[in-house]
Amino acid sequence: MAPGAWWEEPVHPLERAWVVIASLIAVVFFSAMMLVWHALGQQNVRGRAYRVDPKAYQAEVERFVQQYKAGEEAGQPVVAPPPGSDVYMLAQRFRFYPILRLKAGERYVLHVASIDYLHGFSITQPHVWNLQLYPGYEWVIPFTPREPGTYHMACNDFCGVGHEMMLGKIVVER
């Protein structure tokens, strides 16, 4: 008998059954793991997005800044709203505005929106958030900063020359 290629040899039915069973187990466990991770993972932002007029949203942010302004840092207003209040932040080409100063362990409702282009809103520590901010849509997110410190955010969707400078922060105090 002349030697043939291994792929031309017939597969034993028992071997075929074990390959099918192993494949099904892998698919079932992967799917179950993804469902559990989606339900329990901290990466999912629990909020809602609403349609909003960008100019009206910008005016709302300005009213918020005027009402709770507590100082300035590098020409950017620092806003310290009372615990339990709605806090506003906007993304605009190459900046997040304003800087927020919040209390640890207190609940806030964060409103964030882009008023010009698509921007990313990414906070990595201690909360892990990753949002896309589309002009004309406002994210409303219940937010309780757990630990004191500075929460840095970055735009992670390219928005033009100067994108790498688009940083913002939330300062959390005791």
N, C-alpha and C. Protein backbone atom coordinates (compact mmCIF):
# COMPACT_ATOMS: atom_id res chain seq x y z
N MET A 1 0.84 -1.17 0.00
CA MET A 1 0.00 0.00 0.00
C MET A 1 0.89 1.24 0.00
N ALA A 2 0.62 2.12 -0.90
CA ALA A 2 1.41 3.35 -1.01
C ALA A 2 1.00 4.31 0.10
N PRO A 3 2.00 4.97 0.69
CA PRO A 3 1.66 5.92 1.75
C PRO A 3 0.90 7.12 1.17
N GLY A 4 -0.17 7.50 1.82
CA GLY A 4 -0.98 8.65 1.39
C GLY A 4 -0.86 9.78 2.39
N ALA A 5 -1.52 10.83 2.12
CA ALA A 5 -1.53 11.97 3.03
C ALA A 5 -2.41 11.64 4.23
N TRP A 6 -2.03 12.16 5.39
CA TRP A 6 -2.76 11.85 6.61
C TRP A 6 -4.20 12.32 6.56
N TRP A 7 -4.47 13.42 5.84
CA TRP A 7 -5.83 13.96 5.79
C TRP A 7 -6.77 13.14 4.91
N GLU A 8 -6.18 12.20 4.18
CA GLU A 8 -7.01 11.33 3.37
C GLU A 8 -7.45 10.09 4.12
N GLU A 9 -6.88 9.85 5.29
CA GLU A 9 -7.24 8.68 6.08
C GLU A 9 -8.60 8.91 6.75
N PRO A 10 -9.41 7.89 6.84
CA PRO A 10 -10.73 8.05 7.47
C PRO A 10 -10.60 8.30 8.98
N VAL A 11 -11.51 9.13 9.51
CA VAL A 11 -11.52 9.44 10.93
C VAL A 11 -12.46 8.46 11.61
N HIS A 12 -11.97 7.90 12.71
CA HIS A 12 -12.78 6.94 13.46
C HIS A 12 -13.99 7.67 14.06
N PRO A 13 -15.19 7.09 14.04
CA PRO A 13 -16.40 7.75 14.57
C PRO A 13 -16.26 8.19 16.03
N LEU A 14 -15.56 7.43 16.85
CA LEU A 14 -15.37 7.80 18.25
C LEU A 14 -14.52 9.07 18.37
N GLU A 15 -13.49 9.16 17.54
CA GLU A 15 -12.66 10.36 17.54
C GLU A 15 -13.47 11.58 17.08
N ARG A 16 -14.29 11.41 16.07
CA ARG A 16 -15.14 12.49 15.58
C ARG A 16 -16.10 12.94 16.69
N ALA A 17 -16.66 12.01 17.44
CA ALA A 17 -17.58 12.34 18.53
C ALA A 17 -16.88 13.16 19.61
N TRP A 18 -15.65 12.79 19.97
CA TRP A 18 -14.91 13.53 21.00
C TRP A 18 -14.56 14.95 20.54
N VAL A 19 -14.25 15.14 19.28
CA VAL A 19 -13.96 16.48 18.76
C VAL A 19 -15.22 17.34 18.83
N VAL A 20 -16.37 16.79 18.48
CA VAL A 20 -17.63 17.54 18.54
C VAL A 20 -17.97 17.88 19.99
N ILE A 21 -17.83 16.92 20.90
CA ILE A 21 -18.15 17.15 22.32
C ILE A 21 -17.22 18.23 22.90
N ALA A 22 -15.93 18.15 22.62
CA ALA A 22 -14.98 19.15 23.14
C ALA A 22 -15.30 20.53 22.58
N SER A 23 -15.67 20.63 21.33
CA SER A 23 -16.01 21.92 20.73
C SER A 23 -17.26 22.50 21.38
N LEU A 24 -18.27 21.68 21.62
CA LEU A 24 -19.49 22.15 22.27
C LEU A 24 -19.22 22.64 23.69
N ILE A 25 -18.40 21.89 24.42
CA ILE A 25 -18.05 22.30 25.79
C ILE A 25 -17.34 23.64 25.76
N ALA A 26 -16.41 23.82 24.84
CA ALA A 26 -15.69 25.10 24.75
C ALA A 26 -16.65 26.25 24.45
N VAL A 27 -17.58 26.07 23.54
CA VAL A 27 -18.53 27.12 23.20
C VAL A 27 -19.44 27.44 24.38
N VAL A 28 -19.92 26.40 25.07
CA VAL A 28 -20.82 26.61 26.21
C VAL A 28 -20.10 27.35 27.34
N PHE A 29 -18.88 26.93 27.70
CA PHE A 29 -18.15 27.59 28.77
C PHE A 29 -17.76 29.01 28.41
N PHE A 30 -17.37 29.25 27.17
CA PHE A 30 -17.03 30.62 26.74
C PHE A 30 -18.26 31.51 26.82
N SER A 31 -19.39 31.03 26.34
CA SER A 31 -20.62 31.82 26.38
C SER A 31 -21.05 32.10 27.81
N ALA A 32 -20.96 31.11 28.68
CA ALA A 32 -21.34 31.31 30.08
C ALA A 32 -20.41 32.31 30.76
N MET A 33 -19.12 32.21 30.47
CA MET A 33 -18.16 33.14 31.06
C MET A 33 -18.45 34.57 30.61
N MET A 34 -18.78 34.76 29.34
CA MET A 34 -19.07 36.10 28.83
C MET A 34 -20.34 36.67 29.48
N LEU A 35 -21.35 35.84 29.69
CA LEU A 35 -22.57 36.32 30.34
C LEU A 35 -22.29 36.73 31.79
N VAL A 36 -21.53 35.92 32.52
CA VAL A 36 -21.20 36.23 33.91
C VAL A 36 -20.35 37.50 33.96
N TRP A 37 -19.35 37.62 33.09
CA TRP A 37 -18.50 38.82 33.08
C TRP A 37 -19.32 40.06 32.76
N HIS A 38 -20.25 39.95 31.84
CA HIS A 38 -21.09 41.10 31.50
C HIS A 38 -21.95 41.52 32.70
N ALA A 39 -22.46 40.57 33.42
CA ALA A 39 -23.35 40.87 34.55
C ALA A 39 -22.58 41.38 35.77
N LEU A 40 -21.41 40.82 36.04
CA LEU A 40 -20.69 41.13 37.27
C LEU A 40 -19.48 42.04 37.08
N GLY A 41 -18.99 42.16 35.88
CA GLY A 41 -17.78 42.94 35.63
C GLY A 41 -17.98 44.41 35.90
N GLN A 42 -16.93 45.07 36.35
CA GLN A 42 -16.98 46.50 36.66
C GLN A 42 -16.78 47.37 35.42
N GLN A 43 -16.56 46.76 34.26
CA GLN A 43 -16.29 47.53 33.05
C GLN A 43 -17.54 48.13 32.43
N ASN A 44 -18.70 47.69 32.84
CA ASN A 44 -19.94 48.18 32.24
C ASN A 44 -20.45 49.41 32.97
N VAL A 45 -20.59 50.50 32.24
CA VAL A 45 -21.12 51.72 32.82
C VAL A 45 -22.63 51.59 32.87
N ARG A 46 -23.19 51.80 34.03
CA ARG A 46 -24.63 51.71 34.19
C ARG A 46 -25.23 53.11 34.08
N GLY A 47 -25.59 53.49 32.91
CA GLY A 47 -26.15 54.81 32.68
C GLY A 47 -27.06 54.80 31.47
N ARG A 48 -27.55 55.96 31.13
CA ARG A 48 -28.43 56.10 29.97
C ARG A 48 -27.95 57.28 29.13
N ALA A 49 -28.25 57.20 27.85
CA ALA A 49 -27.91 58.29 26.94
C ALA A 49 -29.20 58.92 26.43
N TYR A 50 -29.20 60.24 26.36
CA TYR A 50 -30.37 60.97 25.91
C TYR A 50 -29.96 61.95 24.81
N ARG A 51 -30.90 62.24 23.94
CA ARG A 51 -30.66 63.22 22.88
C ARG A 51 -30.67 64.61 23.51
N VAL A 52 -29.73 65.45 23.09
CA VAL A 52 -29.62 66.79 23.66
C VAL A 52 -29.09 67.74 22.59
N ASP A 53 -29.51 69.01 22.66
CA ASP A 53 -28.97 70.03 21.78
C ASP A 53 -27.61 70.45 22.33
N PRO A 54 -26.53 70.34 21.55
CA PRO A 54 -25.20 70.69 22.05
C PRO A 54 -25.09 72.10 22.63
N LYS A 55 -25.72 73.08 22.01
CA LYS A 55 -25.65 74.46 22.53
C LYS A 55 -26.39 74.57 23.86
N ALA A 56 -27.53 73.92 23.98
CA ALA A 56 -28.27 73.95 25.24
C ALA A 56 -27.48 73.22 26.33
N TYR A 57 -26.82 72.13 25.97
CA TYR A 57 -26.01 71.40 26.96
C TYR A 57 -24.84 72.27 27.42
N GLN A 58 -24.18 72.95 26.50
CA GLN A 58 -23.07 73.83 26.86
C GLN A 58 -23.55 74.94 27.80
N ALA A 59 -24.72 75.49 27.55
CA ALA A 59 -25.28 76.52 28.43
C ALA A 59 -25.56 75.95 29.82
N GLU A 60 -26.05 74.72 29.89
CA GLU A 60 -26.30 74.06 31.18
C GLU A 60 -25.00 73.87 31.95
N VAL A 61 -23.94 73.47 31.26
CA VAL A 61 -22.64 73.30 31.91
C VAL A 61 -22.14 74.64 32.44
N GLU A 62 -22.31 75.69 31.67
CA GLU A 62 -21.87 77.02 32.11
C GLU A 62 -22.65 77.48 33.36
N ARG A 63 -23.95 77.21 33.40
CA ARG A 63 -24.76 77.53 34.60
C ARG A 63 -24.24 76.75 35.81
N PHE A 64 -23.93 75.48 35.59
CA PHE A 64 -23.39 74.62 36.65
C PHE A 64 -22.06 75.18 37.17
N VAL A 65 -21.18 75.58 36.25
CA VAL A 65 -19.87 76.13 36.64
C VAL A 65 -20.06 77.41 37.44
N GLN A 66 -20.92 78.30 36.99
CA GLN A 66 -21.14 79.56 37.71
C GLN A 66 -21.72 79.33 39.10
N GLN A 67 -22.57 78.32 39.23
CA GLN A 67 -23.22 78.07 40.52
C GLN A 67 -22.26 77.46 41.54
N TYR A 68 -21.35 76.56 41.13
CA TYR A 68 -20.54 75.83 42.08
C TYR A 68 -19.03 76.05 41.94
N LYS A 69 -18.62 77.09 41.26
CA LYS A 69 -17.19 77.33 41.05
C LYS A 69 -16.49 77.54 42.39
N ALA A 70 -15.37 76.80 42.59
CA ALA A 70 -14.64 76.86 43.85
C ALA A 70 -13.20 77.31 43.64
N GLY A 71 -12.82 77.61 42.42
CA GLY A 71 -11.45 78.04 42.15
C GLY A 71 -11.08 77.78 40.71
N GLU A 72 -9.79 77.88 40.44
CA GLU A 72 -9.26 77.63 39.10
C GLU A 72 -7.96 76.86 39.19
N GLU A 73 -7.69 76.12 38.15
CA GLU A 73 -6.42 75.40 38.05
C GLU A 73 -5.98 75.47 36.59
N ALA A 74 -4.87 76.14 36.35
CA ALA A 74 -4.32 76.32 35.00
C ALA A 74 -5.36 76.91 34.05
N GLY A 75 -6.13 77.88 34.55
CA GLY A 75 -7.13 78.54 33.72
C GLY A 75 -8.43 77.78 33.54
N GLN A 76 -8.52 76.62 34.14
CA GLN A 76 -9.72 75.78 34.04
C GLN A 76 -10.49 75.90 35.35
N PRO A 77 -11.81 76.13 35.32
CA PRO A 77 -12.56 76.23 36.57
C PRO A 77 -12.62 74.89 37.32
N VAL A 78 -12.52 74.98 38.64
CA VAL A 78 -12.70 73.82 39.52
C VAL A 78 -14.05 73.99 40.17
N VAL A 79 -14.89 72.97 40.06
CA VAL A 79 -16.26 73.04 40.53
C VAL A 79 -16.46 72.04 41.66
N ALA A 80 -17.06 72.49 42.77
CA ALA A 80 -17.29 71.64 43.93
C ALA A 80 -18.78 71.63 44.28
N PRO A 81 -19.56 70.80 43.62
CA PRO A 81 -21.00 70.73 43.91
C PRO A 81 -21.26 69.95 45.20
N PRO A 82 -22.41 70.17 45.83
CA PRO A 82 -22.72 69.42 47.05
C PRO A 82 -23.02 67.94 46.74
N PRO A 83 -22.75 67.06 47.71
CA PRO A 83 -23.06 65.64 47.50
C PRO A 83 -24.53 65.44 47.15
N GLY A 84 -24.79 64.48 46.29
CA GLY A 84 -26.14 64.16 45.88
C GLY A 84 -26.63 64.96 44.69
N SER A 85 -25.82 65.87 44.19
CA SER A 85 -26.28 66.72 43.09
C SER A 85 -25.91 66.16 41.73
N ASP A 86 -26.49 66.75 40.72
CA ASP A 86 -26.12 66.44 39.34
C ASP A 86 -24.86 67.23 39.03
N VAL A 87 -23.88 66.57 38.41
CA VAL A 87 -22.65 67.24 38.02
C VAL A 87 -22.50 67.14 36.51
N TYR A 88 -21.98 68.19 35.91
CA TYR A 88 -21.92 68.30 34.46
C TYR A 88 -20.49 68.43 33.99
N MET A 89 -20.19 67.73 32.89
CA MET A 89 -18.89 67.84 32.25
C MET A 89 -19.12 67.75 30.76
N LEU A 90 -18.34 68.53 30.01
CA LEU A 90 -18.47 68.44 28.57
C LEU A 90 -17.11 68.13 27.94
N ALA A 91 -17.19 67.48 26.80
CA ALA A 91 -16.01 67.21 26.00
C ALA A 91 -16.08 68.14 24.80
N GLN A 92 -15.00 68.86 24.61
CA GLN A 92 -14.91 69.79 23.49
C GLN A 92 -13.50 69.65 22.94
N ARG A 93 -13.35 69.85 21.69
CA ARG A 93 -12.07 69.61 21.05
C ARG A 93 -10.89 69.96 21.94
N PHE A 94 -10.21 68.94 22.38
CA PHE A 94 -8.96 68.97 23.15
C PHE A 94 -9.11 69.36 24.61
N ARG A 95 -10.31 69.24 25.18
CA ARG A 95 -10.44 69.47 26.62
C ARG A 95 -11.70 68.83 27.17
N PHE A 96 -11.62 68.47 28.45
CA PHE A 96 -12.79 68.13 29.25
C PHE A 96 -13.00 69.31 30.18
N TYR A 97 -14.24 69.74 30.35
CA TYR A 97 -14.53 70.97 31.08
C TYR A 97 -15.72 70.76 31.98
N PRO A 98 -15.70 71.17 33.22
CA PRO A 98 -14.63 71.70 34.06
C PRO A 98 -13.93 70.58 34.82
N ILE A 99 -13.07 70.95 35.76
CA ILE A 99 -12.49 69.99 36.71
C ILE A 99 -13.50 69.85 37.84
N LEU A 100 -13.82 68.62 38.20
CA LEU A 100 -14.79 68.38 39.27
C LEU A 100 -14.07 68.05 40.57
N ARG A 101 -14.59 68.56 41.69
CA ARG A 101 -14.09 68.20 43.02
C ARG A 101 -15.27 67.60 43.79
N LEU A 102 -15.17 66.31 44.07
CA LEU A 102 -16.29 65.58 44.68
C LEU A 102 -15.85 64.95 46.00
N LYS A 103 -16.82 64.46 46.77
CA LYS A 103 -16.57 63.81 48.07
C LYS A 103 -16.61 62.29 47.90
N ALA A 104 -15.65 61.61 48.48
CA ALA A 104 -15.60 60.15 48.43
C ALA A 104 -16.79 59.56 49.18
N GLY A 105 -17.36 58.50 48.61
CA GLY A 105 -18.47 57.80 49.24
C GLY A 105 -19.82 58.46 49.06
N GLU A 106 -19.86 59.60 48.42
CA GLU A 106 -21.13 60.30 48.18
C GLU A 106 -21.60 60.03 46.76
N ARG A 107 -22.92 59.98 46.60
CA ARG A 107 -23.50 59.68 45.29
C ARG A 107 -23.73 60.97 44.51
N TYR A 108 -23.39 60.93 43.24
CA TYR A 108 -23.62 62.02 42.31
C TYR A 108 -24.25 61.44 41.06
N VAL A 109 -24.81 62.30 40.23
CA VAL A 109 -25.29 61.88 38.91
C VAL A 109 -24.46 62.68 37.91
N LEU A 110 -23.60 61.98 37.19
CA LEU A 110 -22.70 62.62 36.23
C LEU A 110 -23.37 62.73 34.88
N HIS A 111 -23.37 63.93 34.32
CA HIS A 111 -23.85 64.19 32.97
C HIS A 111 -22.62 64.53 32.14
N VAL A 112 -22.43 63.84 31.04
CA VAL A 112 -21.27 64.12 30.19
C VAL A 112 -21.70 64.00 28.73
N ALA A 113 -21.22 64.95 27.92
CA ALA A 113 -21.58 64.97 26.50
C ALA A 113 -20.49 65.68 25.71
N SER A 114 -20.46 65.38 24.43
CA SER A 114 -19.59 66.09 23.49
C SER A 114 -20.42 67.17 22.81
N ILE A 115 -19.79 68.32 22.59
CA ILE A 115 -20.54 69.39 21.91
C ILE A 115 -20.02 69.66 20.50
N ASP A 116 -18.99 68.90 20.06
CA ASP A 116 -18.49 69.17 18.72
C ASP A 116 -18.21 67.93 17.88
N TYR A 117 -17.38 67.02 18.34
CA TYR A 117 -16.99 65.85 17.57
C TYR A 117 -17.14 64.60 18.43
N LEU A 118 -16.92 63.45 17.82
CA LEU A 118 -16.87 62.20 18.58
C LEU A 118 -15.65 62.23 19.48
N HIS A 119 -15.86 61.96 20.77
CA HIS A 119 -14.77 61.89 21.73
C HIS A 119 -14.93 60.62 22.55
N GLY A 120 -13.82 60.15 23.09
CA GLY A 120 -13.86 59.05 24.04
C GLY A 120 -13.82 59.63 25.45
N PHE A 121 -14.35 58.87 26.39
CA PHE A 121 -14.34 59.26 27.81
C PHE A 121 -13.88 58.03 28.55
N SER A 122 -12.62 58.03 28.93
CA SER A 122 -12.04 56.85 29.54
C SER A 122 -11.44 57.20 30.90
N ILE A 123 -11.91 56.51 31.94
CA ILE A 123 -11.34 56.62 33.28
C ILE A 123 -10.84 55.22 33.61
N THR A 124 -9.59 55.12 34.04
CA THR A 124 -9.03 53.79 34.27
C THR A 124 -8.88 53.39 35.73
N GLN A 125 -8.63 54.29 36.62
CA GLN A 125 -8.45 53.91 38.02
C GLN A 125 -9.12 54.94 38.92
N PRO A 126 -9.79 54.57 39.96
CA PRO A 126 -10.15 53.23 40.38
C PRO A 126 -11.38 52.70 39.68
N HIS A 127 -12.13 53.55 38.99
CA HIS A 127 -13.27 53.09 38.20
C HIS A 127 -12.77 52.79 36.79
N VAL A 128 -13.39 51.86 36.13
CA VAL A 128 -13.00 51.54 34.77
C VAL A 128 -14.19 51.86 33.87
N TRP A 129 -14.11 52.99 33.19
CA TRP A 129 -15.17 53.42 32.29
C TRP A 129 -14.58 53.65 30.92
N ASN A 130 -15.37 53.37 29.93
CA ASN A 130 -14.97 53.65 28.56
C ASN A 130 -16.24 53.95 27.77
N LEU A 131 -16.45 55.22 27.47
CA LEU A 131 -17.65 55.64 26.75
C LEU A 131 -17.27 56.32 25.45
N GLN A 132 -18.18 56.31 24.51
CA GLN A 132 -18.04 57.13 23.32
C GLN A 132 -19.07 58.25 23.44
N LEU A 133 -18.59 59.46 23.29
CA LEU A 133 -19.46 60.63 23.41
C LEU A 133 -19.74 61.17 22.01
N TYR A 134 -20.96 61.00 21.57
CA TYR A 134 -21.39 61.49 20.27
C TYR A 134 -22.02 62.86 20.44
N PRO A 135 -21.72 63.80 19.55
CA PRO A 135 -22.39 65.10 19.64
C PRO A 135 -23.91 64.91 19.53
N GLY A 136 -24.62 65.61 20.40
CA GLY A 136 -26.08 65.50 20.37
C GLY A 136 -26.62 64.45 21.32
N TYR A 137 -25.73 63.77 22.09
CA TYR A 137 -26.19 62.77 23.06
C TYR A 137 -25.49 63.03 24.39
N GLU A 138 -26.25 62.91 25.46
CA GLU A 138 -25.76 63.13 26.81
C GLU A 138 -25.83 61.82 27.59
N TRP A 139 -24.72 61.42 28.18
CA TRP A 139 -24.72 60.27 29.08
C TRP A 139 -25.08 60.75 30.48
N VAL A 140 -25.96 60.03 31.16
CA VAL A 140 -26.34 60.32 32.54
C VAL A 140 -26.02 59.06 33.34
N ILE A 141 -25.07 59.21 34.27
CA ILE A 141 -24.52 58.04 34.97
C ILE A 141 -24.54 58.27 36.48
N PRO A 142 -25.24 57.42 37.25
CA PRO A 142 -25.10 57.49 38.70
C PRO A 142 -23.66 57.13 39.06
N PHE A 143 -23.06 57.89 39.96
CA PHE A 143 -21.63 57.78 40.20
C PHE A 143 -21.33 58.01 41.67
N THR A 144 -20.68 57.05 42.32
CA THR A 144 -20.23 57.20 43.69
C THR A 144 -18.72 56.96 43.71
N PRO A 145 -17.92 58.03 43.78
CA PRO A 145 -16.47 57.82 43.85
C PRO A 145 -16.12 57.13 45.16
N ARG A 146 -15.45 56.01 45.06
CA ARG A 146 -15.18 55.18 46.23
C ARG A 146 -13.96 55.63 47.02
N GLU A 147 -12.92 56.04 46.32
CA GLU A 147 -11.65 56.32 46.99
C GLU A 147 -11.21 57.76 46.73
N PRO A 148 -10.61 58.41 47.74
CA PRO A 148 -10.04 59.74 47.50
C PRO A 148 -8.87 59.64 46.52
N GLY A 149 -8.66 60.70 45.79
CA GLY A 149 -7.56 60.73 44.83
C GLY A 149 -7.98 61.49 43.60
N THR A 150 -7.11 61.46 42.60
CA THR A 150 -7.40 62.13 41.34
C THR A 150 -7.73 61.10 40.29
N TYR A 151 -8.90 61.19 39.73
CA TYR A 151 -9.34 60.30 38.66
C TYR A 151 -9.02 61.00 37.34
N HIS A 152 -8.11 60.45 36.59
CA HIS A 152 -7.74 61.05 35.31
C HIS A 152 -8.59 60.45 34.20
N MET A 153 -8.95 61.27 33.26
CA MET A 153 -9.69 60.78 32.10
C MET A 153 -8.97 61.22 30.84
N ALA A 154 -9.17 60.45 29.80
CA ALA A 154 -8.54 60.76 28.52
C ALA A 154 -9.54 60.52 27.40
N CYS A 155 -9.35 61.23 26.32
CA CYS A 155 -10.12 60.99 25.11
C CYS A 155 -9.43 59.85 24.38
N ASN A 156 -10.15 58.78 24.13
CA ASN A 156 -9.54 57.64 23.44
C ASN A 156 -10.11 57.41 22.05
N ASP A 157 -10.77 58.43 21.49
CA ASP A 157 -11.19 58.41 20.09
C ASP A 157 -10.53 59.60 19.42
N PHE A 158 -9.75 59.35 18.39
CA PHE A 158 -8.98 60.42 17.76
C PHE A 158 -9.91 61.54 17.32
N CYS A 159 -9.61 62.76 17.77
CA CYS A 159 -10.47 63.91 17.48
C CYS A 159 -9.72 65.02 16.75
N GLY A 160 -8.52 64.76 16.31
CA GLY A 160 -7.78 65.75 15.54
C GLY A 160 -6.41 66.02 16.14
N VAL A 161 -5.69 66.94 15.50
CA VAL A 161 -4.36 67.32 15.98
C VAL A 161 -4.54 68.00 17.34
N GLY A 162 -3.88 67.50 18.35
CA GLY A 162 -4.07 67.99 19.71
C GLY A 162 -4.83 66.98 20.55
N HIS A 163 -5.26 65.89 19.95
CA HIS A 163 -6.00 64.84 20.66
C HIS A 163 -5.24 64.33 21.88
N GLU A 164 -3.92 64.20 21.74
CA GLU A 164 -3.13 63.64 22.84
C GLU A 164 -3.12 64.54 24.08
N MET A 165 -3.54 65.78 23.92
CA MET A 165 -3.58 66.72 25.03
C MET A 165 -4.95 66.75 25.72
N MET A 166 -5.90 65.97 25.20
CA MET A 166 -7.27 66.02 25.72
C MET A 166 -7.37 65.15 26.96
N LEU A 167 -7.13 65.77 28.08
CA LEU A 167 -7.16 65.11 29.39
C LEU A 167 -8.07 65.90 30.32
N GLY A 168 -8.62 65.22 31.28
CA GLY A 168 -9.45 65.88 32.28
C GLY A 168 -9.26 65.18 33.62
N LYS A 169 -9.88 65.73 34.66
CA LYS A 169 -9.76 65.05 35.95
C LYS A 169 -10.92 65.37 36.86
N ILE A 170 -11.10 64.43 37.76
CA ILE A 170 -12.06 64.54 38.84
C ILE A 170 -11.25 64.34 40.11
N VAL A 171 -11.26 65.33 41.00
CA VAL A 171 -10.54 65.25 42.26
C VAL A 171 -11.53 64.80 43.32
N VAL A 172 -11.21 63.70 43.99
CA VAL A 172 -12.10 63.14 45.00
C VAL A 172 -11.44 63.32 46.37
N GLU A 173 -12.17 63.99 47.28
CA GLU A 173 -11.68 64.27 48.63
C GLU A 173 -12.49 63.50 49.66
N ARG A 174 -11.93 63.40 50.85
CA ARG A 174 -12.65 62.76 51.96
C ARG A 174 -13.78 63.63 52.44
